[in-house]
Amino acid sequence: MTTPVQVKKLAYLRKENEIYEIDYPLDKIWEAIPKVISNLKWMLVNVNSNTNHVEAKTKSGLMSYSSVLLISAVPLGPSTTKVTVKAETPVTTITALADFGRTQRRIFLFFEELSKELTSENCTA
């Protein structure tokens, strides 16, 4: 009699990172970030105003896990800010193909929405 073979789901973190220099002052970027997260219907997990770091969590999908985004804003001058977004998404052997590129798309979605928020009439530079 043979014993059944157990198949374990192998999981790992898919990590992506993007850095942009944006021609807006830090206070405008910092003001826009929570609005962007709200517009995307993501969850704001942690905000540290002292270090200008934000942690956000995206929604999960049918065949994908949510991503955790670590967002940091650093002033480079009076009117330029460096925004770094690091994203981590757990991936299993089952979800790896369906999730391919989704982490990177979520980062680009954040920057696209940030651009819209900064150029909207609500935000004055």
PDB file of N, CA and C in Angstrom:
ATOM      1  N   MET A   1       0.841  -1.171   0.000  1.00  0.00           N
ATOM      2  CA  MET A   1       0.000   0.000   0.000  1.00  0.00           C
ATOM      3  C   MET A   1       0.891   1.240   0.000  1.00  0.00           C
ATOM      4  N   THR A   2       0.590   2.163  -0.872  1.00  0.00           N
ATOM      5  CA  THR A   2       1.393   3.385  -0.940  1.00  0.00           C
ATOM      6  C   THR A   2       0.737   4.494  -0.130  1.00  0.00           C
ATOM      7  N   THR A   3       1.574   5.322   0.416  1.00  0.00           N
ATOM      8  CA  THR A   3       1.048   6.452   1.179  1.00  0.00           C
ATOM      9  C   THR A   3       0.812   7.628   0.234  1.00  0.00           C
ATOM     10  N   PRO A   4      -0.238   8.378   0.473  1.00  0.00           N
ATOM     11  CA  PRO A   4      -0.515   9.504  -0.424  1.00  0.00           C
ATOM     12  C   PRO A   4       0.566  10.581  -0.285  1.00  0.00           C
ATOM     13  N   VAL A   5       0.838  11.201  -1.381  1.00  0.00           N
ATOM     14  CA  VAL A   5       1.835  12.269  -1.403  1.00  0.00           C
ATOM     15  C   VAL A   5       1.133  13.581  -1.071  1.00  0.00           C
ATOM     16  N   GLN A   6       1.697  14.287  -0.140  1.00  0.00           N
ATOM     17  CA  GLN A   6       1.121  15.583   0.212  1.00  0.00           C
ATOM     18  C   GLN A   6       1.795  16.667  -0.616  1.00  0.00           C
ATOM     19  N   VAL A   7       0.988  17.495  -1.216  1.00  0.00           N
ATOM     20  CA  VAL A   7       1.499  18.606  -1.992  1.00  0.00           C
ATOM     21  C   VAL A   7       1.312  19.867  -1.169  1.00  0.00           C
ATOM     22  N   LYS A   8       2.398  20.550  -0.929  1.00  0.00           N
ATOM     23  CA  LYS A   8       2.332  21.783  -0.163  1.00  0.00           C
ATOM     24  C   LYS A   8       2.305  22.964  -1.123  1.00  0.00           C
ATOM     25  N   LYS A   9       1.535  23.965  -0.754  1.00  0.00           N
ATOM     26  CA  LYS A   9       1.527  25.200  -1.517  1.00  0.00           C
ATOM     27  C   LYS A   9       2.794  25.966  -1.168  1.00  0.00           C
ATOM     28  N   LEU A  10       3.600  26.227  -2.149  1.00  0.00           N
ATOM     29  CA  LEU A  10       4.819  26.978  -1.911  1.00  0.00           C
ATOM     30  C   LEU A  10       4.517  28.459  -2.099  1.00  0.00           C
ATOM     31  N   ALA A  11       4.807  29.250  -1.127  1.00  0.00           N
ATOM     32  CA  ALA A  11       4.527  30.680  -1.210  1.00  0.00           C
ATOM     33  C   ALA A  11       5.828  31.473  -1.117  1.00  0.00           C
ATOM     34  N   TYR A  12       5.820  32.601  -1.763  1.00  0.00           N
ATOM     35  CA  TYR A  12       6.937  33.526  -1.681  1.00  0.00           C
ATOM     36  C   TYR A  12       6.389  34.925  -1.879  1.00  0.00           C
ATOM     37  N   LEU A  13       7.202  35.914  -1.652  1.00  0.00           N
ATOM     38  CA  LEU A  13       6.784  37.298  -1.849  1.00  0.00           C
ATOM     39  C   LEU A  13       7.312  37.806  -3.181  1.00  0.00           C
ATOM     40  N   ARG A  14       6.421  38.346  -3.971  1.00  0.00           N
ATOM     41  CA  ARG A  14       6.837  39.012  -5.197  1.00  0.00           C
ATOM     42  C   ARG A  14       7.045  40.475  -4.821  1.00  0.00           C
ATOM     43  N   LYS A  15       8.258  40.977  -5.024  1.00  0.00           N
ATOM     44  CA  LYS A  15       8.602  42.334  -4.605  1.00  0.00           C
ATOM     45  C   LYS A  15       8.895  43.206  -5.822  1.00  0.00           C
ATOM     46  N   GLU A  16       8.372  44.419  -5.782  1.00  0.00           N
ATOM     47  CA  GLU A  16       8.608  45.402  -6.832  1.00  0.00           C
ATOM     48  C   GLU A  16       8.931  46.732  -6.161  1.00  0.00           C
ATOM     49  N   ASN A  17       9.591  47.611  -6.901  1.00  0.00           N
ATOM     50  CA  ASN A  17      10.025  48.881  -6.341  1.00  0.00           C
ATOM     51  C   ASN A  17      10.083  49.917  -7.462  1.00  0.00           C
ATOM     52  N   GLU A  18       9.515  51.101  -7.228  1.00  0.00           N
ATOM     53  CA  GLU A  18       9.589  52.197  -8.196  1.00  0.00           C
ATOM     54  C   GLU A  18       9.891  53.491  -7.453  1.00  0.00           C
ATOM     55  N   ILE A  19      10.709  54.336  -8.066  1.00  0.00           N
ATOM     56  CA  ILE A  19      11.072  55.634  -7.486  1.00  0.00           C
ATOM     57  C   ILE A  19      10.844  56.707  -8.552  1.00  0.00           C
ATOM     58  N   TYR A  20      10.134  57.765  -8.154  1.00  0.00           N
ATOM     59  CA  TYR A  20       9.889  58.890  -9.053  1.00  0.00           C
ATOM     60  C   TYR A  20      10.256  60.190  -8.357  1.00  0.00           C
ATOM     61  N   GLU A  21      10.807  61.114  -9.115  1.00  0.00           N
ATOM     62  CA  GLU A  21      10.999  62.479  -8.649  1.00  0.00           C
ATOM     63  C   GLU A  21       9.853  63.292  -9.221  1.00  0.00           C
ATOM     64  N   ILE A  22       9.078  63.928  -8.337  1.00  0.00           N
ATOM     65  CA  ILE A  22       7.865  64.619  -8.747  1.00  0.00           C
ATOM     66  C   ILE A  22       8.021  66.103  -8.453  1.00  0.00           C
ATOM     67  N   ASP A  23       7.658  66.934  -9.409  1.00  0.00           N
ATOM     68  CA  ASP A  23       7.812  68.381  -9.275  1.00  0.00           C
ATOM     69  C   ASP A  23       6.660  69.015  -8.505  1.00  0.00           C
ATOM     70  N   TYR A  24       6.496  68.555  -7.280  1.00  0.00           N
ATOM     71  CA  TYR A  24       5.556  69.138  -6.321  1.00  0.00           C
ATOM     72  C   TYR A  24       6.235  69.116  -4.963  1.00  0.00           C
ATOM     73  N   PRO A  25       5.928  70.108  -4.115  1.00  0.00           N
ATOM     74  CA  PRO A  25       6.537  70.108  -2.782  1.00  0.00           C
ATOM     75  C   PRO A  25       6.013  68.961  -1.921  1.00  0.00           C
ATOM     76  N   LEU A  26       6.801  68.607  -0.922  1.00  0.00           N
ATOM     77  CA  LEU A  26       6.477  67.490  -0.042  1.00  0.00           C
ATOM     78  C   LEU A  26       5.087  67.626   0.575  1.00  0.00           C
ATOM     79  N   ASP A  27       4.718  68.824   1.032  1.00  0.00           N
ATOM     80  CA  ASP A  27       3.422  68.967   1.698  1.00  0.00           C
ATOM     81  C   ASP A  27       2.255  68.643   0.777  1.00  0.00           C
ATOM     82  N   LYS A  28       2.361  68.973  -0.513  1.00  0.00           N
ATOM     83  CA  LYS A  28       1.290  68.638  -1.469  1.00  0.00           C
ATOM     84  C   LYS A  28       1.230  67.128  -1.724  1.00  0.00           C
ATOM     85  N   ILE A  29       2.391  66.504  -1.846  1.00  0.00           N
ATOM     86  CA  ILE A  29       2.454  65.046  -2.045  1.00  0.00           C
ATOM     87  C   ILE A  29       1.873  64.352  -0.816  1.00  0.00           C
ATOM     88  N   TRP A  30       2.306  64.793   0.355  1.00  0.00           N
ATOM     89  CA  TRP A  30       1.881  64.164   1.606  1.00  0.00           C
ATOM     90  C   TRP A  30       0.375  64.303   1.800  1.00  0.00           C
ATOM     91  N   GLU A  31      -0.169  65.434   1.398  1.00  0.00           N
ATOM     92  CA  GLU A  31      -1.607  65.673   1.484  1.00  0.00           C
ATOM     93  C   GLU A  31      -2.378  64.791   0.500  1.00  0.00           C
ATOM     94  N   ALA A  32      -1.792  64.515  -0.642  1.00  0.00           N
ATOM     95  CA  ALA A  32      -2.468  63.756  -1.697  1.00  0.00           C
ATOM     96  C   ALA A  32      -2.463  62.244  -1.463  1.00  0.00           C
ATOM     97  N   ILE A  33      -1.444  61.720  -0.797  1.00  0.00           N
ATOM     98  CA  ILE A  33      -1.295  60.266  -0.663  1.00  0.00           C
ATOM     99  C   ILE A  33      -2.512  59.598  -0.015  1.00  0.00           C
ATOM    100  N   PRO A  34      -3.026  60.072   1.124  1.00  0.00           N
ATOM    101  CA  PRO A  34      -4.217  59.416   1.694  1.00  0.00           C
ATOM    102  C   PRO A  34      -5.441  59.485   0.769  1.00  0.00           C
ATOM    103  N   LYS A  35      -5.562  60.589   0.030  1.00  0.00           N
ATOM    104  CA  LYS A  35      -6.674  60.724  -0.920  1.00  0.00           C
ATOM    105  C   LYS A  35      -6.568  59.688  -2.031  1.00  0.00           C
ATOM    106  N   VAL A  36      -5.340  59.476  -2.504  1.00  0.00           N
ATOM    107  CA  VAL A  36      -5.101  58.490  -3.560  1.00  0.00           C
ATOM    108  C   VAL A  36      -5.480  57.093  -3.080  1.00  0.00           C
ATOM    109  N   ILE A  37      -5.055  56.762  -1.884  1.00  0.00           N
ATOM    110  CA  ILE A  37      -5.353  55.440  -1.326  1.00  0.00           C
ATOM    111  C   ILE A  37      -6.860  55.268  -1.159  1.00  0.00           C
ATOM    112  N   SER A  38      -7.534  56.312  -0.723  1.00  0.00           N
ATOM    113  CA  SER A  38      -8.987  56.272  -0.590  1.00  0.00           C
ATOM    114  C   SER A  38      -9.664  56.141  -1.952  1.00  0.00           C
ATOM    115  N   ASN A  39      -9.197  56.914  -2.939  1.00  0.00           N
ATOM    116  CA  ASN A  39      -9.771  56.836  -4.295  1.00  0.00           C
ATOM    117  C   ASN A  39      -9.649  55.444  -4.892  1.00  0.00           C
ATOM    118  N   LEU A  40      -8.546  54.771  -4.585  1.00  0.00           N
ATOM    119  CA  LEU A  40      -8.319  53.418  -5.107  1.00  0.00           C
ATOM    120  C   LEU A  40      -9.051  52.351  -4.293  1.00  0.00           C
ATOM    121  N   LYS A  41      -9.681  52.791  -3.192  1.00  0.00           N
ATOM    122  CA  LYS A  41     -10.398  51.891  -2.289  1.00  0.00           C
ATOM    123  C   LYS A  41      -9.470  50.863  -1.648  1.00  0.00           C
ATOM    124  N   TRP A  42      -8.238  51.311  -1.383  1.00  0.00           N
ATOM    125  CA  TRP A  42      -7.282  50.510  -0.656  1.00  0.00           C
ATOM    126  C   TRP A  42      -7.359  50.902   0.811  1.00  0.00           C
ATOM    127  N   MET A  43      -6.725  50.131   1.664  1.00  0.00           N
ATOM    128  CA  MET A  43      -6.778  50.378   3.095  1.00  0.00           C
ATOM    129  C   MET A  43      -5.481  51.053   3.557  1.00  0.00           C
ATOM    130  N   LEU A  44      -5.642  52.133   4.307  1.00  0.00           N
ATOM    131  CA  LEU A  44      -4.513  52.820   4.909  1.00  0.00           C
ATOM    132  C   LEU A  44      -4.186  52.103   6.207  1.00  0.00           C
ATOM    133  N   VAL A  45      -3.025  51.467   6.274  1.00  0.00           N
ATOM    134  CA  VAL A  45      -2.660  50.641   7.420  1.00  0.00           C
ATOM    135  C   VAL A  45      -1.898  51.435   8.472  1.00  0.00           C
ATOM    136  N   ASN A  46      -0.934  52.230   8.025  1.00  0.00           N
ATOM    137  CA  ASN A  46      -0.082  52.953   8.965  1.00  0.00           C
ATOM    138  C   ASN A  46       0.404  54.234   8.307  1.00  0.00           C
ATOM    139  N   VAL A  47       0.388  55.327   9.071  1.00  0.00           N
ATOM    140  CA  VAL A  47       0.888  56.616   8.602  1.00  0.00           C
ATOM    141  C   VAL A  47       1.871  57.145   9.634  1.00  0.00           C
ATOM    142  N   ASN A  48       3.074  57.470   9.193  1.00  0.00           N
ATOM    143  CA  ASN A  48       4.076  58.058  10.082  1.00  0.00           C
ATOM    144  C   ASN A  48       4.452  59.428   9.523  1.00  0.00           C
ATOM    145  N   SER A  49       3.861  60.471  10.087  1.00  0.00           N
ATOM    146  CA  SER A  49       4.101  61.838   9.612  1.00  0.00           C
ATOM    147  C   SER A  49       5.514  62.320   9.910  1.00  0.00           C
ATOM    148  N   ASN A  50       6.158  61.737  10.904  1.00  0.00           N
ATOM    149  CA  ASN A  50       7.524  62.147  11.254  1.00  0.00           C
ATOM    150  C   ASN A  50       8.535  61.724  10.195  1.00  0.00           C
ATOM    151  N   THR A  51       8.337  60.538   9.627  1.00  0.00           N
ATOM    152  CA  THR A  51       9.279  60.028   8.632  1.00  0.00           C
ATOM    153  C   THR A  51       8.717  60.047   7.216  1.00  0.00           C
ATOM    154  N   ASN A  52       7.466  60.515   7.072  1.00  0.00           N
ATOM    155  CA  ASN A  52       6.786  60.564   5.766  1.00  0.00           C
ATOM    156  C   ASN A  52       6.701  59.190   5.111  1.00  0.00           C
ATOM    157  N   HIS A  53       6.292  58.220   5.902  1.00  0.00           N
ATOM    158  CA  HIS A  53       6.094  56.859   5.414  1.00  0.00           C
ATOM    159  C   HIS A  53       4.627  56.461   5.589  1.00  0.00           C
ATOM    160  N   VAL A  54       4.117  55.745   4.610  1.00  0.00           N
ATOM    161  CA  VAL A  54       2.750  55.246   4.643  1.00  0.00           C
ATOM    162  C   VAL A  54       2.778  53.776   4.268  1.00  0.00           C
ATOM    163  N   GLU A  55       1.959  52.997   4.953  1.00  0.00           N
ATOM    164  CA  GLU A  55       1.763  51.596   4.584  1.00  0.00           C
ATOM    165  C   GLU A  55       0.302  51.447   4.177  1.00  0.00           C
ATOM    166  N   ALA A  56       0.082  50.862   3.004  1.00  0.00           N
ATOM    167  CA  ALA A  56      -1.271  50.663   2.490  1.00  0.00           C
ATOM    168  C   ALA A  56      -1.423  49.225   2.026  1.00  0.00           C
ATOM    169  N   LYS A  57      -2.658  48.766   1.981  1.00  0.00           N
ATOM    170  CA  LYS A  57      -2.935  47.401   1.553  1.00  0.00           C
ATOM    171  C   LYS A  57      -4.007  47.436   0.470  1.00  0.00           C
ATOM    172  N   THR A  58      -3.752  46.748  -0.639  1.00  0.00           N
ATOM    173  CA  THR A  58      -4.700  46.708  -1.739  1.00  0.00           C
ATOM    174  C   THR A  58      -5.752  45.641  -1.487  1.00  0.00           C
ATOM    175  N   LYS A  59      -6.760  45.647  -2.307  1.00  0.00           N
ATOM    176  CA  LYS A  59      -7.778  44.603  -2.223  1.00  0.00           C
ATOM    177  C   LYS A  59      -7.223  43.314  -2.826  1.00  0.00           C
ATOM    178  N   SER A  60      -7.720  42.200  -2.344  1.00  0.00           N
ATOM    179  CA  SER A  60      -7.350  40.925  -2.956  1.00  0.00           C
ATOM    180  C   SER A  60      -8.379  40.601  -4.028  1.00  0.00           C
ATOM    181  N   GLY A  61      -8.009  39.723  -4.912  1.00  0.00           N
ATOM    182  CA  GLY A  61      -8.905  39.315  -5.983  1.00  0.00           C
ATOM    183  C   GLY A  61      -9.212  37.837  -5.899  1.00  0.00           C
ATOM    184  N   LEU A  62      -9.952  37.358  -6.875  1.00  0.00           N
ATOM    185  CA  LEU A  62     -10.331  35.950  -6.903  1.00  0.00           C
ATOM    186  C   LEU A  62      -9.102  35.038  -6.972  1.00  0.00           C
ATOM    187  N   MET A  63      -8.155  35.410  -7.808  1.00  0.00           N
ATOM    188  CA  MET A  63      -6.954  34.584  -7.966  1.00  0.00           C
ATOM    189  C   MET A  63      -5.687  35.327  -7.548  1.00  0.00           C
ATOM    190  N   SER A  64      -5.820  36.306  -6.643  1.00  0.00           N
ATOM    191  CA  SER A  64      -4.627  37.024  -6.214  1.00  0.00           C
ATOM    192  C   SER A  64      -4.783  37.501  -4.781  1.00  0.00           C
ATOM    193  N   TYR A  65      -3.665  37.618  -4.136  1.00  0.00           N
ATOM    194  CA  TYR A  65      -3.626  38.142  -2.779  1.00  0.00           C
ATOM    195  C   TYR A  65      -3.493  39.660  -2.838  1.00  0.00           C
ATOM    196  N   SER A  66      -3.762  40.303  -1.715  1.00  0.00           N
ATOM    197  CA  SER A  66      -3.566  41.745  -1.655  1.00  0.00           C
ATOM    198  C   SER A  66      -2.072  42.038  -1.574  1.00  0.00           C
ATOM    199  N   SER A  67      -1.718  43.248  -1.982  1.00  0.00           N
ATOM    200  CA  SER A  67      -0.334  43.706  -1.891  1.00  0.00           C
ATOM    201  C   SER A  67      -0.217  44.683  -0.736  1.00  0.00           C
ATOM    202  N   VAL A  68       0.960  44.711  -0.140  1.00  0.00           N
ATOM    203  CA  VAL A  68       1.275  45.727   0.856  1.00  0.00           C
ATOM    204  C   VAL A  68       2.205  46.712   0.168  1.00  0.00           C
ATOM    205  N   LEU A  69       1.820  47.991   0.181  1.00  0.00           N
ATOM    206  CA  LEU A  69       2.635  49.038  -0.411  1.00  0.00           C
ATOM    207  C   LEU A  69       3.249  49.876   0.688  1.00  0.00           C
ATOM    208  N   LEU A  70       4.552  50.063   0.609  1.00  0.00           N
ATOM    209  CA  LEU A  70       5.285  50.916   1.532  1.00  0.00           C
ATOM    210  C   LEU A  70       5.683  52.163   0.747  1.00  0.00           C
ATOM    211  N   ILE A  71       5.090  53.283   1.115  1.00  0.00           N
ATOM    212  CA  ILE A  71       5.258  54.521   0.365  1.00  0.00           C
ATOM    213  C   ILE A  71       6.064  55.497   1.213  1.00  0.00           C
ATOM    214  N   SER A  72       7.064  56.106   0.595  1.00  0.00           N
ATOM    215  CA  SER A  72       7.904  57.060   1.309  1.00  0.00           C
ATOM    216  C   SER A  72       8.086  58.296   0.442  1.00  0.00           C
ATOM    217  N   ALA A  73       8.041  59.469   1.084  1.00  0.00           N
ATOM    218  CA  ALA A  73       8.222  60.736   0.382  1.00  0.00           C
ATOM    219  C   ALA A  73       9.359  61.503   1.046  1.00  0.00           C
ATOM    220  N   VAL A  74      10.312  61.960   0.225  1.00  0.00           N
ATOM    221  CA  VAL A  74      11.486  62.674   0.729  1.00  0.00           C
ATOM    222  C   VAL A  74      11.664  63.944  -0.101  1.00  0.00           C
ATOM    223  N   PRO A  75      11.772  65.112   0.552  1.00  0.00           N
ATOM    224  CA  PRO A  75      11.980  66.338  -0.224  1.00  0.00           C
ATOM    225  C   PRO A  75      13.384  66.377  -0.833  1.00  0.00           C
ATOM    226  N   LEU A  76      13.448  66.755  -2.105  1.00  0.00           N
ATOM    227  CA  LEU A  76      14.742  66.929  -2.765  1.00  0.00           C
ATOM    228  C   LEU A  76      15.083  68.409  -2.909  1.00  0.00           C
ATOM    229  N   GLY A  77      14.093  69.240  -2.707  1.00  0.00           N
ATOM    230  CA  GLY A  77      14.237  70.686  -2.806  1.00  0.00           C
ATOM    231  C   GLY A  77      12.907  71.298  -2.431  1.00  0.00           C
ATOM    232  N   PRO A  78      12.769  72.601  -2.566  1.00  0.00           N
ATOM    233  CA  PRO A  78      11.517  73.236  -2.164  1.00  0.00           C
ATOM    234  C   PRO A  78      10.311  72.829  -3.018  1.00  0.00           C
ATOM    235  N   SER A  79      10.551  72.405  -4.247  1.00  0.00           N
ATOM    236  CA  SER A  79       9.417  72.059  -5.109  1.00  0.00           C
ATOM    237  C   SER A  79       9.556  70.698  -5.780  1.00  0.00           C
ATOM    238  N   THR A  80      10.431  69.854  -5.261  1.00  0.00           N
ATOM    239  CA  THR A  80      10.620  68.509  -5.829  1.00  0.00           C
ATOM    240  C   THR A  80      10.653  67.486  -4.702  1.00  0.00           C
ATOM    241  N   THR A  81       9.944  66.374  -4.925  1.00  0.00           N
ATOM    242  CA  THR A  81       9.860  65.312  -3.922  1.00  0.00           C
ATOM    243  C   THR A  81      10.159  63.976  -4.566  1.00  0.00           C
ATOM    244  N   LYS A  82      10.935  63.161  -3.872  1.00  0.00           N
ATOM    245  CA  LYS A  82      11.189  61.787  -4.332  1.00  0.00           C
ATOM    246  C   LYS A  82      10.179  60.878  -3.633  1.00  0.00           C
ATOM    247  N   VAL A  83       9.406  60.147  -4.436  1.00  0.00           N
ATOM    248  CA  VAL A  83       8.411  59.220  -3.898  1.00  0.00           C
ATOM    249  C   VAL A  83       8.845  57.806  -4.264  1.00  0.00           C
ATOM    250  N   THR A  84       8.991  56.980  -3.242  1.00  0.00           N
ATOM    251  CA  THR A  84       9.373  55.577  -3.426  1.00  0.00           C
ATOM    252  C   THR A  84       8.207  54.705  -3.013  1.00  0.00           C
ATOM    253  N   VAL A  85       7.870  53.745  -3.869  1.00  0.00           N
ATOM    254  CA  VAL A  85       6.821  52.778  -3.544  1.00  0.00           C
ATOM    255  C   VAL A  85       7.415  51.386  -3.681  1.00  0.00           C
ATOM    256  N   LYS A  86       7.382  50.663  -2.568  1.00  0.00           N
ATOM    257  CA  LYS A  86       7.802  49.256  -2.558  1.00  0.00           C
ATOM    258  C   LYS A  86       6.545  48.432  -2.327  1.00  0.00           C
ATOM    259  N   ALA A  87       6.361  47.404  -3.118  1.00  0.00           N
ATOM    260  CA  ALA A  87       5.170  46.565  -2.981  1.00  0.00           C
ATOM    261  C   ALA A  87       5.580  45.111  -2.828  1.00  0.00           C
ATOM    262  N   GLU A  88       4.846  44.426  -1.965  1.00  0.00           N
ATOM    263  CA  GLU A  88       5.075  42.998  -1.736  1.00  0.00           C
ATOM    264  C   GLU A  88       3.739  42.281  -1.836  1.00  0.00           C
ATOM    265  N   THR A  89       3.730  41.202  -2.611  1.00  0.00           N
ATOM    266  CA  THR A  89       2.520  40.406  -2.770  1.00  0.00           C
ATOM    267  C   THR A  89       2.858  38.943  -2.548  1.00  0.00           C
ATOM    268  N   PRO A  90       2.162  38.266  -1.616  1.00  0.00           N
ATOM    269  CA  PRO A  90       2.386  36.827  -1.475  1.00  0.00           C
ATOM    270  C   PRO A  90       1.861  36.093  -2.712  1.00  0.00           C
ATOM    271  N   VAL A  91       2.628  35.154  -3.172  1.00  0.00           N
ATOM    272  CA  VAL A  91       2.258  34.403  -4.368  1.00  0.00           C
ATOM    273  C   VAL A  91       2.475  32.924  -4.081  1.00  0.00           C
ATOM    274  N   THR A  92       1.532  32.110  -4.501  1.00  0.00           N
ATOM    275  CA  THR A  92       1.688  30.657  -4.380  1.00  0.00           C
ATOM    276  C   THR A  92       1.888  30.077  -5.767  1.00  0.00           C
ATOM    277  N   THR A  93       2.209  28.811  -5.823  1.00  0.00           N
ATOM    278  CA  THR A  93       2.369  28.170  -7.123  1.00  0.00           C
ATOM    279  C   THR A  93       1.060  28.205  -7.904  1.00  0.00           C
ATOM    280  N   ILE A  94      -0.061  28.255  -7.214  1.00  0.00           N
ATOM    281  CA  ILE A  94      -1.365  28.284  -7.884  1.00  0.00           C
ATOM    282  C   ILE A  94      -1.664  29.673  -8.445  1.00  0.00           C
ATOM    283  N   THR A  95      -1.331  30.720  -7.699  1.00  0.00           N
ATOM    284  CA  THR A  95      -1.684  32.077  -8.129  1.00  0.00           C
ATOM    285  C   THR A  95      -0.587  32.772  -8.931  1.00  0.00           C
ATOM    286  N   ALA A  96       0.570  32.161  -9.071  1.00  0.00           N
ATOM    287  CA  ALA A  96       1.712  32.827  -9.700  1.00  0.00           C
ATOM    288  C   ALA A  96       1.415  33.288 -11.124  1.00  0.00           C
ATOM    289  N   LEU A  97       0.770  32.478 -11.929  1.00  0.00           N
ATOM    290  CA  LEU A  97       0.497  32.862 -13.312  1.00  0.00           C
ATOM    291  C   LEU A  97      -0.577  33.936 -13.399  1.00  0.00           C
ATOM    292  N   ALA A  98      -1.629  33.799 -12.605  1.00  0.00           N
ATOM    293  CA  ALA A  98      -2.710  34.789 -12.629  1.00  0.00           C
ATOM    294  C   ALA A  98      -2.239  36.123 -12.073  1.00  0.00           C
ATOM    295  N   ASP A  99      -1.260  36.098 -11.200  1.00  0.00           N
ATOM    296  CA  ASP A  99      -0.791  37.311 -10.536  1.00  0.00           C
ATOM    297  C   ASP A  99       0.363  37.975 -11.263  1.00  0.00           C
ATOM    298  N   PHE A 100       0.879  37.362 -12.305  1.00  0.00           N
ATOM    299  CA  PHE A 100       2.086  37.862 -12.965  1.00  0.00           C
ATOM    300  C   PHE A 100       1.910  39.320 -13.397  1.00  0.00           C
ATOM    301  N   GLY A 101       2.735  40.208 -12.871  1.00  0.00           N
ATOM    302  CA  GLY A 101       2.703  41.617 -13.231  1.00  0.00           C
ATOM    303  C   GLY A 101       1.725  42.459 -12.434  1.00  0.00           C
ATOM    304  N   ARG A 102       0.895  41.844 -11.625  1.00  0.00           N
ATOM    305  CA  ARG A 102      -0.125  42.584 -10.889  1.00  0.00           C
ATOM    306  C   ARG A 102       0.493  43.521  -9.851  1.00  0.00           C
ATOM    307  N   THR A 103       1.551  43.094  -9.194  1.00  0.00           N
ATOM    308  CA  THR A 103       2.205  43.933  -8.189  1.00  0.00           C
ATOM    309  C   THR A 103       2.726  45.216  -8.839  1.00  0.00           C
ATOM    310  N   GLN A 104       3.380  45.083  -9.972  1.00  0.00           N
ATOM    311  CA  GLN A 104       3.904  46.246 -10.700  1.00  0.00           C
ATOM    312  C   GLN A 104       2.760  47.144 -11.174  1.00  0.00           C
ATOM    313  N   ARG A 105       1.672  46.555 -11.646  1.00  0.00           N
ATOM    314  CA  ARG A 105       0.520  47.351 -12.092  1.00  0.00           C
ATOM    315  C   ARG A 105      -0.083  48.144 -10.939  1.00  0.00           C
ATOM    316  N   ARG A 106      -0.092  47.580  -9.754  1.00  0.00           N
ATOM    317  CA  ARG A 106      -0.628  48.293  -8.595  1.00  0.00           C
ATOM    318  C   ARG A 106       0.234  49.508  -8.264  1.00  0.00           C
ATOM    319  N   ILE A 107       1.535  49.392  -8.397  1.00  0.00           N
ATOM    320  CA  ILE A 107       2.420  50.546  -8.173  1.00  0.00           C
ATOM    321  C   ILE A 107       2.130  51.632  -9.205  1.00  0.00           C
ATOM    322  N   PHE A 108       2.044  51.243 -10.481  1.00  0.00           N
ATOM    323  CA  PHE A 108       1.768  52.218 -11.523  1.00  0.00           C
ATOM    324  C   PHE A 108       0.389  52.844 -11.351  1.00  0.00           C
ATOM    325  N   LEU A 109      -0.564  52.067 -10.871  1.00  0.00           N
ATOM    326  CA  LEU A 109      -1.902  52.591 -10.596  1.00  0.00           C
ATOM    327  C   LEU A 109      -1.836  53.664  -9.506  1.00  0.00           C
ATOM    328  N   PHE A 110      -1.024  53.426  -8.482  1.00  0.00           N
ATOM    329  CA  PHE A 110      -0.834  54.420  -7.430  1.00  0.00           C
ATOM    330  C   PHE A 110      -0.277  55.720  -8.008  1.00  0.00           C
ATOM    331  N   PHE A 111       0.782  55.632  -8.819  1.00  0.00           N
ATOM    332  CA  PHE A 111       1.391  56.836  -9.379  1.00  0.00           C
ATOM    333  C   PHE A 111       0.455  57.537 -10.368  1.00  0.00           C
ATOM    334  N   GLU A 112      -0.306  56.775 -11.115  1.00  0.00           N
ATOM    335  CA  GLU A 112      -1.272  57.371 -12.038  1.00  0.00           C
ATOM    336  C   GLU A 112      -2.329  58.165 -11.267  1.00  0.00           C
ATOM    337  N   GLU A 113      -2.845  57.569 -10.205  1.00  0.00           N
ATOM    338  CA  GLU A 113      -3.856  58.235  -9.390  1.00  0.00           C
ATOM    339  C   GLU A 113      -3.249  59.431  -8.644  1.00  0.00           C
ATOM    340  N   LEU A 114      -2.004  59.327  -8.219  1.00  0.00           N
ATOM    341  CA  LEU A 114      -1.320  60.444  -7.571  1.00  0.00           C
ATOM    342  C   LEU A 114      -1.194  61.615  -8.548  1.00  0.00           C
ATOM    343  N   SER A 115      -0.856  61.322  -9.781  1.00  0.00           N
ATOM    344  CA  SER A 115      -0.755  62.359 -10.803  1.00  0.00           C
ATOM    345  C   SER A 115      -2.096  63.050 -11.009  1.00  0.00           C
ATOM    346  N   LYS A 116      -3.164  62.268 -11.070  1.00  0.00           N
ATOM    347  CA  LYS A 116      -4.510  62.844 -11.242  1.00  0.00           C
ATOM    348  C   LYS A 116      -4.864  63.736 -10.050  1.00  0.00           C
ATOM    349  N   GLU A 117      -4.548  63.267  -8.858  1.00  0.00           N
ATOM    350  CA  GLU A 117      -4.872  64.028  -7.650  1.00  0.00           C
ATOM    351  C   GLU A 117      -4.085  65.336  -7.600  1.00  0.00           C
ATOM    352  N   LEU A 118      -2.816  65.285  -7.958  1.00  0.00           N
ATOM    353  CA  LEU A 118      -1.981  66.486  -7.903  1.00  0.00           C
ATOM    354  C   LEU A 118      -2.380  67.515  -8.958  1.00  0.00           C
ATOM    355  N   THR A 119      -2.866  67.065 -10.081  1.00  0.00           N
ATOM    356  CA  THR A 119      -3.233  67.991 -11.157  1.00  0.00           C
ATOM    357  C   THR A 119      -4.714  68.369 -11.127  1.00  0.00           C
ATOM    358  N   SER A 120      -5.453  67.816 -10.176  1.00  0.00           N
ATOM    359  CA  SER A 120      -6.865  68.166 -10.077  1.00  0.00           C
ATOM    360  C   SER A 120      -7.016  69.579  -9.533  1.00  0.00           C
ATOM    361  N   GLU A 121      -8.190  70.105  -9.623  1.00  0.00           N
ATOM    362  CA  GLU A 121      -8.438  71.472  -9.134  1.00  0.00           C
ATOM    363  C   GLU A 121      -8.442  71.523  -7.610  1.00  0.00           C
ATOM    364  N   ASN A 122      -8.542  70.382  -6.954  1.00  0.00           N
ATOM    365  CA  ASN A 122      -8.550  70.344  -5.482  1.00  0.00           C
ATOM    366  C   ASN A 122      -7.185  70.661  -4.900  1.00  0.00           C
ATOM    367  N   CYS A 123      -6.138  70.412  -5.671  1.00  0.00           N
ATOM    368  CA  CYS A 123      -4.768  70.552  -5.166  1.00  0.00           C
ATOM    369  C   CYS A 123      -4.091  71.701  -5.900  1.00  0.00           C
ATOM    370  N   THR A 124      -3.664  72.699  -5.178  1.00  0.00           N
ATOM    371  CA  THR A 124      -2.970  73.829  -5.803  1.00  0.00           C
ATOM    372  C   THR A 124      -1.493  73.774  -5.442  1.00  0.00           C
ATOM    373  N   ALA A 125      -0.675  73.938  -6.442  1.00  0.00           N
ATOM    374  CA  ALA A 125       0.773  73.875  -6.212  1.00  0.00           C
ATOM    375  C   ALA A 125       1.324  75.187  -5.750  1.00  0.00           C
TER     376      ALA A 125
END
